[in-house]
Amino acid sequence: MNPAYRFLLPFVYMFISVTCLLSLLRKTLVTWEMNYQVLQLANLFFLLVSLLVFFILKKSMASSNSHVFIRSVMAGMMLKMFLTVIIVLVYALSSGSSFSKYSVFGALFIYLFYLVAEVVAVLIRAMQCQ
């Protein structure tokens, strides 16, 4: 793989791993009262949001001012938080009686995996800059 795109590997690996894990645990998720489709959509949503935030962080790493990077990290966290809250509210309002709070907790657990992938990708990018 082109070294310039090496930073995408943690996100790709995370997406594939979570997708496979959800597919393997599909019947177990039903017994835990989790909605498989909600978790798959959350997986895709967190992939896209994590990539968006990573590109914001990548751009800020080019700045000579270290405060720009710190502001980008804080803005990225707020962006992910607000988008996640909006998506959960949309899901809660649109699902009605079929709302699954366990699916929401599972999606937030998936978010933690993507947070780790994002940190690894930023570290890979930082090592490339040196």
Protein backbone atom coordinates (compact mmCIF):
# COMPACT_ATOMS: atom_id res chain seq x y z
CA MET A 1 0.00 0.00 0.00
CA ASN A 2 1.15 3.50 -0.76
CA PRO A 3 2.78 4.92 2.41
CA ALA A 4 0.77 8.11 1.97
CA TYR A 5 -2.43 6.14 2.63
CA ARG A 6 -1.07 3.97 5.43
CA PHE A 7 -2.99 6.05 7.97
CA LEU A 8 -6.28 4.67 6.57
CA LEU A 9 -5.42 1.11 7.57
CA PRO A 10 -6.58 1.38 11.22
CA PHE A 11 -9.98 2.63 10.06
CA VAL A 12 -10.33 -0.07 7.40
CA TYR A 13 -9.25 -2.80 9.82
CA MET A 14 -11.63 -1.52 12.48
CA PHE A 15 -14.56 -1.38 10.06
CA ILE A 16 -13.91 -4.89 8.76
CA SER A 17 -13.36 -6.28 12.26
CA VAL A 18 -16.54 -4.78 13.70
CA THR A 19 -18.57 -5.85 10.66
CA CYS A 20 -17.30 -9.42 10.95
CA LEU A 21 -17.85 -9.47 14.71
CA LEU A 22 -21.42 -8.23 14.31
CA SER A 23 -22.08 -10.82 11.62
CA LEU A 24 -20.72 -13.62 13.78
CA LEU A 25 -22.73 -12.48 16.81
CA ARG A 26 -25.94 -11.78 14.91
CA LYS A 27 -28.02 -14.43 16.70
CA THR A 28 -26.51 -13.53 20.07
CA LEU A 29 -27.37 -9.87 19.50
CA VAL A 30 -31.04 -10.82 19.11
CA THR A 31 -31.00 -12.60 22.46
CA TRP A 32 -29.42 -9.47 24.01
CA GLU A 33 -32.26 -7.39 22.50
CA MET A 34 -29.91 -5.52 20.17
CA ASN A 35 -30.84 -4.46 16.66
CA TYR A 36 -28.27 -5.75 14.15
CA GLN A 37 -29.10 -3.10 11.52
CA VAL A 38 -28.69 -0.27 14.02
CA LEU A 39 -25.26 -1.55 14.99
CA GLN A 40 -24.18 -1.91 11.35
CA LEU A 41 -25.35 1.62 10.59
CA ALA A 42 -23.52 2.86 13.69
CA ASN A 43 -20.39 1.11 12.44
CA LEU A 44 -20.64 2.89 9.09
CA PHE A 45 -21.50 6.22 10.75
CA PHE A 46 -18.50 6.07 13.09
CA LEU A 47 -16.22 5.13 10.20
CA LEU A 48 -17.29 8.20 8.23
CA VAL A 49 -17.19 10.56 11.19
CA SER A 50 -13.79 9.25 12.32
CA LEU A 51 -12.38 9.75 8.83
CA LEU A 52 -13.78 13.28 8.71
CA VAL A 53 -12.24 14.16 12.06
CA PHE A 54 -8.96 12.51 11.12
CA PHE A 55 -8.66 14.62 7.97
CA ILE A 56 -9.30 17.72 10.08
CA LEU A 57 -6.54 16.61 12.46
CA LYS A 58 -4.21 15.75 9.58
CA LYS A 59 -4.64 19.22 8.12
CA SER A 60 -3.97 20.84 11.49
CA MET A 61 -0.76 18.84 11.94
CA ALA A 62 0.76 20.75 9.04
CA SER A 63 0.49 24.01 10.96
CA SER A 64 3.53 25.30 12.81
CA ASN A 65 1.27 26.50 15.63
CA SER A 66 0.64 23.68 18.11
CA HIS A 67 -2.53 25.37 19.35
CA VAL A 68 -4.16 24.67 16.00
CA PHE A 69 -3.82 20.93 16.58
CA ILE A 70 -5.25 21.17 20.10
CA ARG A 71 -8.22 23.18 18.83
CA SER A 72 -8.75 20.62 16.07
CA VAL A 73 -8.76 17.76 18.59
CA MET A 74 -11.34 19.57 20.70
CA ALA A 75 -13.44 20.48 17.64
CA GLY A 76 -13.30 16.88 16.43
CA MET A 77 -14.47 15.56 19.79
CA MET A 78 -17.34 18.04 19.87
CA LEU A 79 -18.29 17.24 16.27
CA LYS A 80 -18.41 13.51 17.01
CA MET A 81 -20.34 14.07 20.21
CA PHE A 82 -22.97 16.35 18.67
CA LEU A 83 -23.42 14.18 15.58
CA THR A 84 -23.79 11.10 17.76
CA VAL A 85 -26.40 12.80 19.95
CA ILE A 86 -28.32 13.93 16.85
CA ILE A 87 -28.25 10.43 15.35
CA VAL A 88 -29.42 8.86 18.62
CA LEU A 89 -32.27 11.38 18.84
CA VAL A 90 -33.29 10.70 15.24
CA TYR A 91 -33.22 6.96 15.95
CA ALA A 92 -35.24 7.38 19.15
CA LEU A 93 -37.87 9.52 17.46
CA SER A 94 -38.14 7.45 14.30
CA SER A 95 -38.15 3.98 15.86
CA GLY A 96 -41.03 4.55 18.26
CA SER A 97 -41.75 1.44 20.32
CA SER A 98 -38.99 -0.60 18.66
CA PHE A 99 -36.27 1.61 20.19
CA SER A 100 -33.45 -0.51 21.58
CA LYS A 101 -31.40 1.17 24.28
CA TYR A 102 -29.03 -1.80 24.24
CA SER A 103 -28.29 -1.09 20.58
CA VAL A 104 -27.44 2.50 21.48
CA PHE A 105 -25.06 1.29 24.21
CA GLY A 106 -23.55 -1.18 21.73
CA ALA A 107 -23.06 1.63 19.22
CA LEU A 108 -21.33 3.74 21.85
CA PHE A 109 -19.07 0.78 22.56
CA ILE A 110 -18.23 0.67 18.83
CA TYR A 111 -17.38 4.37 19.12
CA LEU A 112 -14.63 3.49 21.60
CA PHE A 113 -13.07 1.14 19.05
CA TYR A 114 -13.03 3.90 16.45
CA LEU A 115 -11.50 6.27 18.98
CA VAL A 116 -8.59 3.86 19.37
CA ALA A 117 -8.27 3.57 15.58
CA GLU A 118 -8.20 7.35 15.28
CA VAL A 119 -5.42 7.68 17.85
CA VAL A 120 -3.39 5.01 16.06
CA ALA A 121 -3.91 6.76 12.72
CA VAL A 122 -2.81 10.11 14.17
CA LEU A 123 0.30 8.47 15.60
CA ILE A 124 1.09 6.88 12.22
CA ARG A 125 0.66 10.27 10.55
CA ALA A 126 2.84 11.95 13.18
CA MET A 127 5.60 9.40 12.59
CA GLN A 128 5.40 10.04 8.82
CA CYS A 129 5.88 13.77 9.39
CA GLN A 130 9.15 13.29 11.27
